[in-house]
Amino acid sequence: RGGPAGRDAYQRFSKWAPPDGLEIKGAWTSASNAGGFMLLEVANFGVLMNFASKFKDLNEAIDFTPVVELAEGLAVVQEAYDWVDSLR
């Protein structure tokens, strides 16, 4: 959010330190200062919930998109396709 909430978010974030189990791999803010993106590595989803709970009141939304390495994802999807094909 803009205005006071945006200012408060930056101030709060500057005082926050990632807990054990959460590693910031990269972080970017939009050029318009209207949002941002963080690449995080977490030990479990509870760590994400803890992170979000500390900033949710100052943001319109905090969305998480779990991802896997491309090679791992390809292997998982291929195994699923092979299983589906075996049913035909």
PDB file of N, CA and C in Angstrom:
ATOM      1  N   ARG A   1       0.833  -1.186   0.000  1.00  0.00           N
ATOM      2  CA  ARG A   1       0.000   0.000   0.000  1.00  0.00           C
ATOM      3  C   ARG A   1       0.873   1.244   0.000  1.00  0.00           C
ATOM      4  N   GLY A   2       0.300   2.292  -0.475  1.00  0.00           N
ATOM      5  CA  GLY A   2       1.026   3.553  -0.435  1.00  0.00           C
ATOM      6  C   GLY A   2       0.740   4.292   0.858  1.00  0.00           C
ATOM      7  N   GLY A   3       1.161   5.517   0.909  1.00  0.00           N
ATOM      8  CA  GLY A   3       0.886   6.361   2.061  1.00  0.00           C
ATOM      9  C   GLY A   3       1.546   5.857   3.329  1.00  0.00           C
ATOM     10  N   PRO A   4       0.910   6.126   4.462  1.00  0.00           N
ATOM     11  CA  PRO A   4       1.494   5.735   5.754  1.00  0.00           C
ATOM     12  C   PRO A   4       1.767   4.239   5.882  1.00  0.00           C
ATOM     13  N   ALA A   5       0.903   3.388   5.319  1.00  0.00           N
ATOM     14  CA  ALA A   5       1.119   1.942   5.422  1.00  0.00           C
ATOM     15  C   ALA A   5       2.401   1.528   4.691  1.00  0.00           C
ATOM     16  N   GLY A   6       2.655   2.135   3.535  1.00  0.00           N
ATOM     17  CA  GLY A   6       3.878   1.837   2.802  1.00  0.00           C
ATOM     18  C   GLY A   6       5.110   2.236   3.584  1.00  0.00           C
ATOM     19  N   ARG A   7       5.056   3.401   4.163  1.00  0.00           N
ATOM     20  CA  ARG A   7       6.182   3.882   4.989  1.00  0.00           C
ATOM     21  C   ARG A   7       6.386   2.957   6.190  1.00  0.00           C
ATOM     22  N   ASP A   8       5.279   2.591   6.835  1.00  0.00           N
ATOM     23  CA  ASP A   8       5.362   1.691   7.991  1.00  0.00           C
ATOM     24  C   ASP A   8       5.940   0.329   7.593  1.00  0.00           C
ATOM     25  N   ALA A   9       5.572  -0.167   6.418  1.00  0.00           N
ATOM     26  CA  ALA A   9       6.075  -1.457   5.959  1.00  0.00           C
ATOM     27  C   ALA A   9       7.593  -1.411   5.788  1.00  0.00           C
ATOM     28  N   TYR A  10       8.110  -0.354   5.170  1.00  0.00           N
ATOM     29  CA  TYR A  10       9.555  -0.240   4.995  1.00  0.00           C
ATOM     30  C   TYR A  10      10.268  -0.121   6.341  1.00  0.00           C
ATOM     31  N   GLN A  11       9.701   0.647   7.261  1.00  0.00           N
ATOM     32  CA  GLN A  11      10.326   0.794   8.581  1.00  0.00           C
ATOM     33  C   GLN A  11      10.325  -0.533   9.334  1.00  0.00           C
ATOM     34  N   ARG A  12       9.200  -1.251   9.275  1.00  0.00           N
ATOM     35  CA  ARG A  12       9.113  -2.529   9.966  1.00  0.00           C
ATOM     36  C   ARG A  12      10.087  -3.536   9.348  1.00  0.00           C
ATOM     37  N   PHE A  13      10.138  -3.569   8.021  1.00  0.00           N
ATOM     38  CA  PHE A  13      11.016  -4.520   7.345  1.00  0.00           C
ATOM     39  C   PHE A  13      12.479  -4.243   7.678  1.00  0.00           C
ATOM     40  N   SER A  14      12.848  -2.974   7.821  1.00  0.00           N
ATOM     41  CA  SER A  14      14.242  -2.640   8.125  1.00  0.00           C
ATOM     42  C   SER A  14      14.653  -3.126   9.513  1.00  0.00           C
ATOM     43  N   LYS A  15      13.688  -3.393  10.395  1.00  0.00           N
ATOM     44  CA  LYS A  15      13.982  -3.871  11.746  1.00  0.00           C
ATOM     45  C   LYS A  15      13.817  -5.387  11.881  1.00  0.00           C
ATOM     46  N   TRP A  16      13.351  -6.026  10.822  1.00  0.00           N
ATOM     47  CA  TRP A  16      13.062  -7.462  10.842  1.00  0.00           C
ATOM     48  C   TRP A  16      14.281  -8.255  10.397  1.00  0.00           C
ATOM     49  N   ALA A  17      14.479  -9.403  10.971  1.00  0.00           N
ATOM     50  CA  ALA A  17      15.544 -10.316  10.542  1.00  0.00           C
ATOM     51  C   ALA A  17      14.912 -11.669  10.232  1.00  0.00           C
ATOM     52  N   PRO A  18      15.324 -12.303   9.142  1.00  0.00           N
ATOM     53  CA  PRO A  18      14.755 -13.610   8.802  1.00  0.00           C
ATOM     54  C   PRO A  18      15.014 -14.629   9.920  1.00  0.00           C
ATOM     55  N   PRO A  19      13.992 -15.393  10.282  1.00  0.00           N
ATOM     56  CA  PRO A  19      14.186 -16.416  11.320  1.00  0.00           C
ATOM     57  C   PRO A  19      14.917 -17.630  10.750  1.00  0.00           C
ATOM     58  N   ASP A  20      15.337 -18.503  11.628  1.00  0.00           N
ATOM     59  CA  ASP A  20      15.899 -19.774  11.172  1.00  0.00           C
ATOM     60  C   ASP A  20      14.865 -20.463  10.302  1.00  0.00           C
ATOM     61  N   GLY A  21      15.316 -21.028   9.206  1.00  0.00           N
ATOM     62  CA  GLY A  21      14.412 -21.730   8.306  1.00  0.00           C
ATOM     63  C   GLY A  21      13.888 -20.873   7.169  1.00  0.00           C
ATOM     64  N   LEU A  22      14.265 -19.595   7.120  1.00  0.00           N
ATOM     65  CA  LEU A  22      13.869 -18.711   6.023  1.00  0.00           C
ATOM     66  C   LEU A  22      15.106 -17.990   5.505  1.00  0.00           C
ATOM     67  N   GLU A  23      15.377 -18.189   4.232  1.00  0.00           N
ATOM     68  CA  GLU A  23      16.520 -17.518   3.608  1.00  0.00           C
ATOM     69  C   GLU A  23      16.026 -16.681   2.434  1.00  0.00           C
ATOM     70  N   ILE A  24      16.396 -15.404   2.420  1.00  0.00           N
ATOM     71  CA  ILE A  24      16.051 -14.522   1.312  1.00  0.00           C
ATOM     72  C   ILE A  24      17.097 -14.715   0.223  1.00  0.00           C
ATOM     73  N   LYS A  25      16.674 -15.241  -0.918  1.00  0.00           N
ATOM     74  CA  LYS A  25      17.570 -15.474  -2.055  1.00  0.00           C
ATOM     75  C   LYS A  25      17.697 -14.226  -2.920  1.00  0.00           C
ATOM     76  N   GLY A  26      16.691 -13.375  -2.890  1.00  0.00           N
ATOM     77  CA  GLY A  26      16.691 -12.130  -3.647  1.00  0.00           C
ATOM     78  C   GLY A  26      15.423 -11.365  -3.327  1.00  0.00           C
ATOM     79  N   ALA A  27      15.470 -10.062  -3.480  1.00  0.00           N
ATOM     80  CA  ALA A  27      14.299  -9.228  -3.203  1.00  0.00           C
ATOM     81  C   ALA A  27      14.321  -8.009  -4.113  1.00  0.00           C
ATOM     82  N   TRP A  28      13.154  -7.666  -4.642  1.00  0.00           N
ATOM     83  CA  TRP A  28      13.027  -6.553  -5.568  1.00  0.00           C
ATOM     84  C   TRP A  28      11.786  -5.757  -5.220  1.00  0.00           C
ATOM     85  N   THR A  29      11.834  -4.464  -5.453  1.00  0.00           N
ATOM     86  CA  THR A  29      10.655  -3.624  -5.320  1.00  0.00           C
ATOM     87  C   THR A  29      10.337  -3.067  -6.700  1.00  0.00           C
ATOM     88  N   SER A  30       9.060  -2.835  -6.958  1.00  0.00           N
ATOM     89  CA  SER A  30       8.690  -2.300  -8.269  1.00  0.00           C
ATOM     90  C   SER A  30       9.181  -0.862  -8.403  1.00  0.00           C
ATOM     91  N   ALA A  31       9.465  -0.444  -9.611  1.00  0.00           N
ATOM     92  CA  ALA A  31       9.951   0.913  -9.852  1.00  0.00           C
ATOM     93  C   ALA A  31       8.921   1.954  -9.441  1.00  0.00           C
ATOM     94  N   SER A  32       7.648   1.576  -9.444  1.00  0.00           N
ATOM     95  CA  SER A  32       6.590   2.513  -9.043  1.00  0.00           C
ATOM     96  C   SER A  32       6.369   2.506  -7.532  1.00  0.00           C
ATOM     97  N   ASN A  33       7.134   1.675  -6.811  1.00  0.00           N
ATOM     98  CA  ASN A  33       7.012   1.545  -5.364  1.00  0.00           C
ATOM     99  C   ASN A  33       5.616   1.072  -4.964  1.00  0.00           C
ATOM    100  N   ALA A  34       5.011   0.230  -5.804  1.00  0.00           N
ATOM    101  CA  ALA A  34       3.653  -0.249  -5.544  1.00  0.00           C
ATOM    102  C   ALA A  34       3.620  -1.747  -5.251  1.00  0.00           C
ATOM    103  N   GLY A  35       4.738  -2.327  -4.912  1.00  0.00           N
ATOM    104  CA  GLY A  35       4.775  -3.754  -4.618  1.00  0.00           C
ATOM    105  C   GLY A  35       6.175  -4.279  -4.776  1.00  0.00           C
ATOM    106  N   GLY A  36       6.309  -5.570  -4.589  1.00  0.00           N
ATOM    107  CA  GLY A  36       7.620  -6.152  -4.713  1.00  0.00           C
ATOM    108  C   GLY A  36       7.553  -7.651  -4.836  1.00  0.00           C
ATOM    109  N   PHE A  37       8.713  -8.262  -4.895  1.00  0.00           N
ATOM    110  CA  PHE A  37       8.834  -9.693  -5.088  1.00  0.00           C
ATOM    111  C   PHE A  37      10.034 -10.173  -4.295  1.00  0.00           C
ATOM    112  N   MET A  38       9.864 -11.286  -3.587  1.00  0.00           N
ATOM    113  CA  MET A  38      10.973 -11.876  -2.847  1.00  0.00           C
ATOM    114  C   MET A  38      11.088 -13.340  -3.238  1.00  0.00           C
ATOM    115  N   LEU A  39      12.298 -13.797  -3.426  1.00  0.00           N
ATOM    116  CA  LEU A  39      12.566 -15.205  -3.654  1.00  0.00           C
ATOM    117  C   LEU A  39      13.084 -15.758  -2.334  1.00  0.00           C
ATOM    118  N   LEU A  40      12.295 -16.648  -1.729  1.00  0.00           N
ATOM    119  CA  LEU A  40      12.613 -17.178  -0.406  1.00  0.00           C
ATOM    120  C   LEU A  40      12.834 -18.674  -0.467  1.00  0.00           C
ATOM    121  N   GLU A  41      13.699 -19.164   0.379  1.00  0.00           N
ATOM    122  CA  GLU A  41      13.830 -20.601   0.591  1.00  0.00           C
ATOM    123  C   GLU A  41      13.421 -20.854   2.035  1.00  0.00           C
ATOM    124  N   VAL A  42      12.463 -21.762   2.217  1.00  0.00           N
ATOM    125  CA  VAL A  42      11.948 -22.001   3.559  1.00  0.00           C
ATOM    126  C   VAL A  42      12.006 -23.477   3.915  1.00  0.00           C
ATOM    127  N   ALA A  43      12.109 -23.727   5.211  1.00  0.00           N
ATOM    128  CA  ALA A  43      12.143 -25.090   5.710  1.00  0.00           C
ATOM    129  C   ALA A  43      10.747 -25.705   5.708  1.00  0.00           C
ATOM    130  N   ASN A  44       9.726 -24.881   5.960  1.00  0.00           N
ATOM    131  CA  ASN A  44       8.349 -25.366   5.968  1.00  0.00           C
ATOM    132  C   ASN A  44       7.394 -24.179   5.806  1.00  0.00           C
ATOM    133  N   PHE A  45       6.148 -24.483   5.521  1.00  0.00           N
ATOM    134  CA  PHE A  45       5.183 -23.425   5.252  1.00  0.00           C
ATOM    135  C   PHE A  45       4.797 -22.635   6.501  1.00  0.00           C
ATOM    136  N   GLY A  46       5.030 -23.189   7.674  1.00  0.00           N
ATOM    137  CA  GLY A  46       4.781 -22.442   8.906  1.00  0.00           C
ATOM    138  C   GLY A  46       5.671 -21.209   8.986  1.00  0.00           C
ATOM    139  N   VAL A  47       6.881 -21.324   8.461  1.00  0.00           N
ATOM    140  CA  VAL A  47       7.808 -20.186   8.440  1.00  0.00           C
ATOM    141  C   VAL A  47       7.228 -19.070   7.568  1.00  0.00           C
ATOM    142  N   LEU A  48       6.600 -19.438   6.440  1.00  0.00           N
ATOM    143  CA  LEU A  48       5.974 -18.425   5.581  1.00  0.00           C
ATOM    144  C   LEU A  48       4.807 -17.755   6.290  1.00  0.00           C
ATOM    145  N   MET A  49       4.026 -18.543   7.000  1.00  0.00           N
ATOM    146  CA  MET A  49       2.881 -17.996   7.728  1.00  0.00           C
ATOM    147  C   MET A  49       3.352 -16.993   8.783  1.00  0.00           C
ATOM    148  N   ASN A  50       4.435 -17.341   9.465  1.00  0.00           N
ATOM    149  CA  ASN A  50       5.003 -16.438  10.461  1.00  0.00           C
ATOM    150  C   ASN A  50       5.452 -15.134   9.818  1.00  0.00           C
ATOM    151  N   PHE A  51       6.139 -15.243   8.676  1.00  0.00           N
ATOM    152  CA  PHE A  51       6.603 -14.052   7.950  1.00  0.00           C
ATOM    153  C   PHE A  51       5.416 -13.177   7.535  1.00  0.00           C
ATOM    154  N   ALA A  52       4.419 -13.788   6.914  1.00  0.00           N
ATOM    155  CA  ALA A  52       3.265 -13.033   6.429  1.00  0.00           C
ATOM    156  C   ALA A  52       2.519 -12.351   7.570  1.00  0.00           C
ATOM    157  N   SER A  53       2.414 -13.021   8.704  1.00  0.00           N
ATOM    158  CA  SER A  53       1.657 -12.456   9.822  1.00  0.00           C
ATOM    159  C   SER A  53       2.293 -11.181  10.364  1.00  0.00           C
ATOM    160  N   LYS A  54       3.571 -11.002  10.140  1.00  0.00           N
ATOM    161  CA  LYS A  54       4.265  -9.811  10.639  1.00  0.00           C
ATOM    162  C   LYS A  54       4.094  -8.598   9.726  1.00  0.00           C
ATOM    163  N   PHE A  55       3.590  -8.826   8.489  1.00  0.00           N
ATOM    164  CA  PHE A  55       3.481  -7.730   7.520  1.00  0.00           C
ATOM    165  C   PHE A  55       2.100  -7.617   6.874  1.00  0.00           C
ATOM    166  N   LYS A  56       1.227  -8.573   7.102  1.00  0.00           N
ATOM    167  CA  LYS A  56      -0.071  -8.614   6.421  1.00  0.00           C
ATOM    168  C   LYS A  56      -0.895  -7.359   6.675  1.00  0.00           C
ATOM    169  N   ASP A  57      -0.847  -6.825   7.871  1.00  0.00           N
ATOM    170  CA  ASP A  57      -1.665  -5.653   8.187  1.00  0.00           C
ATOM    171  C   ASP A  57      -1.252  -4.420   7.388  1.00  0.00           C
ATOM    172  N   LEU A  58      -0.067  -4.432   6.798  1.00  0.00           N
ATOM    173  CA  LEU A  58       0.433  -3.280   6.051  1.00  0.00           C
ATOM    174  C   LEU A  58       0.391  -3.487   4.539  1.00  0.00           C
ATOM    175  N   ASN A  59      -0.099  -4.638   4.085  1.00  0.00           N
ATOM    176  CA  ASN A  59      -0.123  -4.961   2.661  1.00  0.00           C
ATOM    177  C   ASN A  59      -1.525  -5.344   2.228  1.00  0.00           C
ATOM    178  N   GLU A  60      -1.879  -5.000   1.002  1.00  0.00           N
ATOM    179  CA  GLU A  60      -3.173  -5.415   0.472  1.00  0.00           C
ATOM    180  C   GLU A  60      -3.208  -6.921   0.295  1.00  0.00           C
ATOM    181  N   ALA A  61      -2.092  -7.527  -0.090  1.00  0.00           N
ATOM    182  CA  ALA A  61      -2.014  -8.967  -0.280  1.00  0.00           C
ATOM    183  C   ALA A  61      -0.570  -9.425  -0.147  1.00  0.00           C
ATOM    184  N   ILE A  62      -0.415 -10.618   0.377  1.00  0.00           N
ATOM    185  CA  ILE A  62       0.879 -11.297   0.373  1.00  0.00           C
ATOM    186  C   ILE A  62       0.599 -12.667  -0.216  1.00  0.00           C
ATOM    187  N   ASP A  63       1.145 -12.915  -1.384  1.00  0.00           N
ATOM    188  CA  ASP A  63       0.907 -14.169  -2.091  1.00  0.00           C
ATOM    189  C   ASP A  63       2.196 -14.970  -2.176  1.00  0.00           C
ATOM    190  N   PHE A  64       2.063 -16.276  -2.015  1.00  0.00           N
ATOM    191  CA  PHE A  64       3.198 -17.178  -2.131  1.00  0.00           C
ATOM    192  C   PHE A  64       2.940 -18.140  -3.279  1.00  0.00           C
ATOM    193  N   THR A  65       3.961 -18.377  -4.094  1.00  0.00           N
ATOM    194  CA  THR A  65       3.892 -19.343  -5.180  1.00  0.00           C
ATOM    195  C   THR A  65       5.039 -20.335  -4.997  1.00  0.00           C
ATOM    196  N   PRO A  66       4.733 -21.532  -4.469  1.00  0.00           N
ATOM    197  CA  PRO A  66       5.804 -22.526  -4.315  1.00  0.00           C
ATOM    198  C   PRO A  66       6.348 -22.946  -5.679  1.00  0.00           C
ATOM    199  N   VAL A  67       7.646 -23.116  -5.763  1.00  0.00           N
ATOM    200  CA  VAL A  67       8.284 -23.536  -7.014  1.00  0.00           C
ATOM    201  C   VAL A  67       9.296 -24.628  -6.713  1.00  0.00           C
ATOM    202  N   VAL A  68       9.662 -25.381  -7.761  1.00  0.00           N
ATOM    203  CA  VAL A  68      10.714 -26.383  -7.667  1.00  0.00           C
ATOM    204  C   VAL A  68      11.699 -26.133  -8.802  1.00  0.00           C
ATOM    205  N   GLU A  69      12.901 -26.662  -8.655  1.00  0.00           N
ATOM    206  CA  GLU A  69      13.890 -26.558  -9.733  1.00  0.00           C
ATOM    207  C   GLU A  69      13.283 -27.143 -10.999  1.00  0.00           C
ATOM    208  N   LEU A  70      13.605 -26.569 -12.146  1.00  0.00           N
ATOM    209  CA  LEU A  70      13.025 -27.002 -13.413  1.00  0.00           C
ATOM    210  C   LEU A  70      13.253 -28.483 -13.678  1.00  0.00           C
ATOM    211  N   ALA A  71      14.463 -28.959 -13.486  1.00  0.00           N
ATOM    212  CA  ALA A  71      14.754 -30.373 -13.750  1.00  0.00           C
ATOM    213  C   ALA A  71      13.907 -31.286 -12.861  1.00  0.00           C
ATOM    214  N   GLU A  72      13.761 -30.924 -11.595  1.00  0.00           N
ATOM    215  CA  GLU A  72      12.930 -31.713 -10.690  1.00  0.00           C
ATOM    216  C   GLU A  72      11.467 -31.674 -11.124  1.00  0.00           C
ATOM    217  N   GLY A  73      11.009 -30.503 -11.502  1.00  0.00           N
ATOM    218  CA  GLY A  73       9.630 -30.355 -11.968  1.00  0.00           C
ATOM    219  C   GLY A  73       9.358 -31.174 -13.217  1.00  0.00           C
ATOM    220  N   LEU A  74      10.304 -31.169 -14.157  1.00  0.00           N
ATOM    221  CA  LEU A  74      10.136 -31.958 -15.379  1.00  0.00           C
ATOM    222  C   LEU A  74      10.030 -33.445 -15.057  1.00  0.00           C
ATOM    223  N   ALA A  75      10.856 -33.931 -14.146  1.00  0.00           N
ATOM    224  CA  ALA A  75      10.827 -35.344 -13.770  1.00  0.00           C
ATOM    225  C   ALA A  75       9.500 -35.712 -13.117  1.00  0.00           C
ATOM    226  N   VAL A  76       9.009 -34.856 -12.234  1.00  0.00           N
ATOM    227  CA  VAL A  76       7.740 -35.118 -11.559  1.00  0.00           C
ATOM    228  C   VAL A  76       6.595 -35.143 -12.560  1.00  0.00           C
ATOM    229  N   VAL A  77       6.559 -34.167 -13.446  1.00  0.00           N
ATOM    230  CA  VAL A  77       5.481 -34.092 -14.435  1.00  0.00           C
ATOM    231  C   VAL A  77       5.556 -35.259 -15.408  1.00  0.00           C
ATOM    232  N   GLN A  78       6.751 -35.629 -15.837  1.00  0.00           N
ATOM    233  CA  GLN A  78       6.882 -36.765 -16.755  1.00  0.00           C
ATOM    234  C   GLN A  78       6.391 -38.047 -16.106  1.00  0.00           C
ATOM    235  N   GLU A  79       6.721 -38.255 -14.828  1.00  0.00           N
ATOM    236  CA  GLU A  79       6.243 -39.443 -14.108  1.00  0.00           C
ATOM    237  C   GLU A  79       4.723 -39.442 -14.059  1.00  0.00           C
ATOM    238  N   ALA A  80       4.111 -38.277 -13.828  1.00  0.00           N
ATOM    239  CA  ALA A  80       2.653 -38.190 -13.795  1.00  0.00           C
ATOM    240  C   ALA A  80       2.059 -38.503 -15.159  1.00  0.00           C
ATOM    241  N   TYR A  81       2.656 -37.970 -16.224  1.00  0.00           N
ATOM    242  CA  TYR A  81       2.173 -38.267 -17.581  1.00  0.00           C
ATOM    243  C   TYR A  81       2.302 -39.763 -17.889  1.00  0.00           C
ATOM    244  N   ASP A  82       3.408 -40.371 -17.481  1.00  0.00           N
ATOM    245  CA  ASP A  82       3.599 -41.796 -17.701  1.00  0.00           C
ATOM    246  C   ASP A  82       2.529 -42.596 -16.983  1.00  0.00           C
ATOM    247  N   TRP A  83       2.190 -42.204 -15.768  1.00  0.00           N
ATOM    248  CA  TRP A  83       1.147 -42.889 -15.007  1.00  0.00           C
ATOM    249  C   TRP A  83      -0.203 -42.752 -15.707  1.00  0.00           C
ATOM    250  N   VAL A  84      -0.536 -41.522 -16.131  1.00  0.00           N
ATOM    251  CA  VAL A  84      -1.805 -41.307 -16.846  1.00  0.00           C
ATOM    252  C   VAL A  84      -1.845 -42.159 -18.113  1.00  0.00           C
ATOM    253  N   ASP A  85      -0.753 -42.185 -18.867  1.00  0.00           N
ATOM    254  CA  ASP A  85      -0.700 -42.975 -20.102  1.00  0.00           C
ATOM    255  C   ASP A  85      -0.875 -44.472 -19.817  1.00  0.00           C
ATOM    256  N   SER A  86      -0.393 -44.934 -18.662  1.00  0.00           N
ATOM    257  CA  SER A  86      -0.517 -46.348 -18.317  1.00  0.00           C
ATOM    258  C   SER A  86      -1.973 -46.756 -18.066  1.00  0.00           C
ATOM    259  N   LEU A  87      -2.828 -45.804 -17.810  1.00  0.00           N
ATOM    260  CA  LEU A  87      -4.240 -46.090 -17.553  1.00  0.00           C
ATOM    261  C   LEU A  87      -5.053 -46.246 -18.837  1.00  0.00           C
ATOM    262  N   ARG A  88      -4.472 -45.865 -19.943  1.00  0.00           N
ATOM    263  CA  ARG A  88      -5.198 -45.906 -21.225  1.00  0.00           C
ATOM    264  C   ARG A  88      -5.182 -47.272 -21.833  1.00  0.00           C
TER     265      ARG A  88
END
